[in-house]
Amino acid sequence: MDSDGVYKRVNINKVISQILKTNPNITEAKANELAYKMIKELNKESFFYGS
């Protein structure tokens, strides 16, 4: 998060790879789904707190 409270643009592939690295028991499809949900929540929060 920037100092003004706005989230920087997120690279979905980096999020997916990090999810897979920390949770090796889930599928890539599930990691993809989780990444999109996480980014959606971050965008929702940044809308309320700074955008």
PDB file of N, CA and C in Angstrom:
ATOM      1  N   MET A   1       0.849  -1.168   0.000  1.00  0.00           N
ATOM      2  CA  MET A   1       0.000   0.000   0.000  1.00  0.00           C
ATOM      3  C   MET A   1       0.895   1.232   0.000  1.00  0.00           C
ATOM      4  N   ASP A   2       0.546   2.187  -0.809  1.00  0.00           N
ATOM      5  CA  ASP A   2       1.280   3.443  -0.827  1.00  0.00           C
ATOM      6  C   ASP A   2       0.957   4.241   0.427  1.00  0.00           C
ATOM      7  N   SER A   3       1.742   5.268   0.693  1.00  0.00           N
ATOM      8  CA  SER A   3       1.532   6.082   1.882  1.00  0.00           C
ATOM      9  C   SER A   3       0.192   6.805   1.864  1.00  0.00           C
ATOM     10  N   ASP A   4      -0.370   7.026   0.665  1.00  0.00           N
ATOM     11  CA  ASP A   4      -1.668   7.700   0.593  1.00  0.00           C
ATOM     12  C   ASP A   4      -2.837   6.722   0.718  1.00  0.00           C
ATOM     13  N   GLY A   5      -2.539   5.426   0.964  1.00  0.00           N
ATOM     14  CA  GLY A   5      -3.588   4.444   1.195  1.00  0.00           C
ATOM     15  C   GLY A   5      -4.103   3.753  -0.046  1.00  0.00           C
ATOM     16  N   VAL A   6      -3.494   3.991  -1.186  1.00  0.00           N
ATOM     17  CA  VAL A   6      -3.961   3.390  -2.431  1.00  0.00           C
ATOM     18  C   VAL A   6      -3.093   2.181  -2.759  1.00  0.00           C
ATOM     19  N   TYR A   7      -3.736   1.068  -3.097  1.00  0.00           N
ATOM     20  CA  TYR A   7      -2.992  -0.133  -3.460  1.00  0.00           C
ATOM     21  C   TYR A   7      -2.374   0.015  -4.835  1.00  0.00           C
ATOM     22  N   LYS A   8      -1.157  -0.489  -4.955  1.00  0.00           N
ATOM     23  CA  LYS A   8      -0.491  -0.499  -6.255  1.00  0.00           C
ATOM     24  C   LYS A   8      -1.091  -1.603  -7.114  1.00  0.00           C
ATOM     25  N   ARG A   9      -0.879  -1.501  -8.409  1.00  0.00           N
ATOM     26  CA  ARG A   9      -1.360  -2.529  -9.332  1.00  0.00           C
ATOM     27  C   ARG A   9      -0.722  -3.873  -8.967  1.00  0.00           C
ATOM     28  N   VAL A  10      -1.526  -4.921  -8.956  1.00  0.00           N
ATOM     29  CA  VAL A  10      -1.077  -6.238  -8.522  1.00  0.00           C
ATOM     30  C   VAL A  10      -0.887  -7.144  -9.731  1.00  0.00           C
ATOM     31  N   ASN A  11       0.234  -7.861  -9.767  1.00  0.00           N
ATOM     32  CA  ASN A  11       0.492  -8.832 -10.822  1.00  0.00           C
ATOM     33  C   ASN A  11      -0.139 -10.160 -10.407  1.00  0.00           C
ATOM     34  N   ILE A  12      -1.215 -10.549 -11.107  1.00  0.00           N
ATOM     35  CA  ILE A  12      -1.972 -11.750 -10.748  1.00  0.00           C
ATOM     36  C   ILE A  12      -1.097 -12.995 -10.777  1.00  0.00           C
ATOM     37  N   ASN A  13      -0.162 -13.069 -11.713  1.00  0.00           N
ATOM     38  CA  ASN A  13       0.706 -14.247 -11.803  1.00  0.00           C
ATOM     39  C   ASN A  13       1.605 -14.386 -10.582  1.00  0.00           C
ATOM     40  N   LYS A  14       2.074 -13.266 -10.048  1.00  0.00           N
ATOM     41  CA  LYS A  14       2.902 -13.315  -8.842  1.00  0.00           C
ATOM     42  C   LYS A  14       2.078 -13.769  -7.642  1.00  0.00           C
ATOM     43  N   VAL A  15       0.843 -13.311  -7.580  1.00  0.00           N
ATOM     44  CA  VAL A  15      -0.030 -13.724  -6.480  1.00  0.00           C
ATOM     45  C   VAL A  15      -0.293 -15.225  -6.560  1.00  0.00           C
ATOM     46  N   ILE A  16      -0.601 -15.717  -7.765  1.00  0.00           N
ATOM     47  CA  ILE A  16      -0.867 -17.146  -7.951  1.00  0.00           C
ATOM     48  C   ILE A  16       0.352 -17.979  -7.570  1.00  0.00           C
ATOM     49  N   SER A  17       1.525 -17.574  -8.031  1.00  0.00           N
ATOM     50  CA  SER A  17       2.730 -18.354  -7.722  1.00  0.00           C
ATOM     51  C   SER A  17       3.025 -18.349  -6.229  1.00  0.00           C
ATOM     52  N   GLN A  18       2.757 -17.242  -5.554  1.00  0.00           N
ATOM     53  CA  GLN A  18       2.978 -17.175  -4.108  1.00  0.00           C
ATOM     54  C   GLN A  18       1.992 -18.076  -3.370  1.00  0.00           C
ATOM     55  N   ILE A  19       0.737 -18.093  -3.817  1.00  0.00           N
ATOM     56  CA  ILE A  19      -0.260 -18.977  -3.201  1.00  0.00           C
ATOM     57  C   ILE A  19       0.162 -20.432  -3.363  1.00  0.00           C
ATOM     58  N   LEU A  20       0.605 -20.794  -4.568  1.00  0.00           N
ATOM     59  CA  LEU A  20       1.030 -22.174  -4.819  1.00  0.00           C
ATOM     60  C   LEU A  20       2.267 -22.546  -4.002  1.00  0.00           C
ATOM     61  N   LYS A  21       3.158 -21.583  -3.821  1.00  0.00           N
ATOM     62  CA  LYS A  21       4.383 -21.843  -3.058  1.00  0.00           C
ATOM     63  C   LYS A  21       4.059 -22.103  -1.582  1.00  0.00           C
ATOM     64  N   THR A  22       3.132 -21.333  -1.035  1.00  0.00           N
ATOM     65  CA  THR A  22       2.816 -21.472   0.386  1.00  0.00           C
ATOM     66  C   THR A  22       1.752 -22.530   0.662  1.00  0.00           C
ATOM     67  N   ASN A  23       1.035 -22.961  -0.393  1.00  0.00           N
ATOM     68  CA  ASN A  23      -0.008 -23.981  -0.250  1.00  0.00           C
ATOM     69  C   ASN A  23       0.146 -25.024  -1.345  1.00  0.00           C
ATOM     70  N   PRO A  24       1.150 -25.883  -1.249  1.00  0.00           N
ATOM     71  CA  PRO A  24       1.430 -26.829  -2.338  1.00  0.00           C
ATOM     72  C   PRO A  24       0.350 -27.884  -2.548  1.00  0.00           C
ATOM     73  N   ASN A  25      -0.584 -28.004  -1.618  1.00  0.00           N
ATOM     74  CA  ASN A  25      -1.617 -29.028  -1.740  1.00  0.00           C
ATOM     75  C   ASN A  25      -2.840 -28.577  -2.546  1.00  0.00           C
ATOM     76  N   ILE A  26      -2.875 -27.326  -3.019  1.00  0.00           N
ATOM     77  CA  ILE A  26      -4.021 -26.880  -3.814  1.00  0.00           C
ATOM     78  C   ILE A  26      -3.658 -26.845  -5.295  1.00  0.00           C
ATOM     79  N   THR A  27      -4.680 -26.885  -6.132  1.00  0.00           N
ATOM     80  CA  THR A  27      -4.466 -26.888  -7.577  1.00  0.00           C
ATOM     81  C   THR A  27      -4.213 -25.474  -8.080  1.00  0.00           C
ATOM     82  N   GLU A  28      -3.685 -25.393  -9.285  1.00  0.00           N
ATOM     83  CA  GLU A  28      -3.446 -24.085  -9.888  1.00  0.00           C
ATOM     84  C   GLU A  28      -4.762 -23.355 -10.129  1.00  0.00           C
ATOM     85  N   ALA A  29      -5.803 -24.089 -10.494  1.00  0.00           N
ATOM     86  CA  ALA A  29      -7.116 -23.472 -10.718  1.00  0.00           C
ATOM     87  C   ALA A  29      -7.655 -22.847  -9.431  1.00  0.00           C
ATOM     88  N   LYS A  30      -7.487 -23.550  -8.311  1.00  0.00           N
ATOM     89  CA  LYS A  30      -7.939 -23.023  -7.024  1.00  0.00           C
ATOM     90  C   LYS A  30      -7.101 -21.814  -6.617  1.00  0.00           C
ATOM     91  N   ALA A  31      -5.802 -21.858  -6.880  1.00  0.00           N
ATOM     92  CA  ALA A  31      -4.933 -20.717  -6.582  1.00  0.00           C
ATOM     93  C   ALA A  31      -5.348 -19.507  -7.407  1.00  0.00           C
ATOM     94  N   ASN A  32      -5.698 -19.741  -8.665  1.00  0.00           N
ATOM     95  CA  ASN A  32      -6.160 -18.666  -9.543  1.00  0.00           C
ATOM     96  C   ASN A  32      -7.432 -18.038  -8.976  1.00  0.00           C
ATOM     97  N   GLU A  33      -8.365 -18.869  -8.565  1.00  0.00           N
ATOM     98  CA  GLU A  33      -9.626 -18.393  -7.987  1.00  0.00           C
ATOM     99  C   GLU A  33      -9.374 -17.570  -6.724  1.00  0.00           C
ATOM    100  N   LEU A  34      -8.507 -18.080  -5.857  1.00  0.00           N
ATOM    101  CA  LEU A  34      -8.175 -17.365  -4.623  1.00  0.00           C
ATOM    102  C   LEU A  34      -7.507 -16.022  -4.905  1.00  0.00           C
ATOM    103  N   ALA A  35      -6.604 -16.002  -5.873  1.00  0.00           N
ATOM    104  CA  ALA A  35      -5.896 -14.767  -6.213  1.00  0.00           C
ATOM    105  C   ALA A  35      -6.870 -13.697  -6.685  1.00  0.00           C
ATOM    106  N   TYR A  36      -7.808 -14.077  -7.547  1.00  0.00           N
ATOM    107  CA  TYR A  36      -8.791 -13.104  -8.019  1.00  0.00           C
ATOM    108  C   TYR A  36      -9.664 -12.583  -6.885  1.00  0.00           C
ATOM    109  N   LYS A  37     -10.046 -13.466  -5.962  1.00  0.00           N
ATOM    110  CA  LYS A  37     -10.845 -13.027  -4.816  1.00  0.00           C
ATOM    111  C   LYS A  37     -10.057 -12.073  -3.928  1.00  0.00           C
ATOM    112  N   MET A  38      -8.777 -12.387  -3.703  1.00  0.00           N
ATOM    113  CA  MET A  38      -7.937 -11.532  -2.865  1.00  0.00           C
ATOM    114  C   MET A  38      -7.785 -10.145  -3.478  1.00  0.00           C
ATOM    115  N   ILE A  39      -7.513 -10.114  -4.778  1.00  0.00           N
ATOM    116  CA  ILE A  39      -7.323  -8.828  -5.451  1.00  0.00           C
ATOM    117  C   ILE A  39      -8.622  -8.031  -5.467  1.00  0.00           C
ATOM    118  N   LYS A  40      -9.733  -8.723  -5.652  1.00  0.00           N
ATOM    119  CA  LYS A  40     -11.033  -8.050  -5.628  1.00  0.00           C
ATOM    120  C   LYS A  40     -11.259  -7.392  -4.270  1.00  0.00           C
ATOM    121  N   GLU A  41     -10.932  -8.102  -3.189  1.00  0.00           N
ATOM    122  CA  GLU A  41     -11.081  -7.546  -1.846  1.00  0.00           C
ATOM    123  C   GLU A  41     -10.144  -6.357  -1.624  1.00  0.00           C
ATOM    124  N   LEU A  42      -8.913  -6.472  -2.091  1.00  0.00           N
ATOM    125  CA  LEU A  42      -7.972  -5.355  -1.952  1.00  0.00           C
ATOM    126  C   LEU A  42      -8.475  -4.125  -2.689  1.00  0.00           C
ATOM    127  N   ASN A  43      -9.005  -4.331  -3.880  1.00  0.00           N
ATOM    128  CA  ASN A  43      -9.532  -3.213  -4.655  1.00  0.00           C
ATOM    129  C   ASN A  43     -10.740  -2.597  -3.972  1.00  0.00           C
ATOM    130  N   LYS A  44     -11.566  -3.423  -3.370  1.00  0.00           N
ATOM    131  CA  LYS A  44     -12.741  -2.932  -2.656  1.00  0.00           C
ATOM    132  C   LYS A  44     -12.304  -2.072  -1.471  1.00  0.00           C
ATOM    133  N   GLU A  45     -11.302  -2.558  -0.718  1.00  0.00           N
ATOM    134  CA  GLU A  45     -10.796  -1.815   0.432  1.00  0.00           C
ATOM    135  C   GLU A  45     -10.135  -0.513   0.003  1.00  0.00           C
ATOM    136  N   SER A  46      -9.367  -0.540  -1.074  1.00  0.00           N
ATOM    137  CA  SER A  46      -8.694   0.685  -1.505  1.00  0.00           C
ATOM    138  C   SER A  46      -9.712   1.697  -2.007  1.00  0.00           C
ATOM    139  N   PHE A  47     -10.844   1.224  -2.516  1.00  0.00           N
ATOM    140  CA  PHE A  47     -11.905   2.134  -2.942  1.00  0.00           C
ATOM    141  C   PHE A  47     -12.441   2.901  -1.740  1.00  0.00           C
ATOM    142  N   PHE A  48     -12.639   2.199  -0.620  1.00  0.00           N
ATOM    143  CA  PHE A  48     -13.187   2.843   0.564  1.00  0.00           C
ATOM    144  C   PHE A  48     -12.166   3.695   1.306  1.00  0.00           C
ATOM    145  N   TYR A  49     -10.887   3.322   1.228  1.00  0.00           N
ATOM    146  CA  TYR A  49      -9.884   3.990   2.048  1.00  0.00           C
ATOM    147  C   TYR A  49      -8.968   4.956   1.324  1.00  0.00           C
ATOM    148  N   GLY A  50      -9.158   5.174   0.038  1.00  0.00           N
ATOM    149  CA  GLY A  50      -8.201   6.092  -0.542  1.00  0.00           C
ATOM    150  C   GLY A  50      -8.435   6.483  -1.970  1.00  0.00           C
ATOM    151  N   SER A  51      -9.185   5.722  -2.701  1.00  0.00           N
ATOM    152  CA  SER A  51      -9.346   6.059  -4.117  1.00  0.00           C
ATOM    153  C   SER A  51     -10.378   7.133  -4.299  1.00  0.00           C
TER     154      SER A  51
END
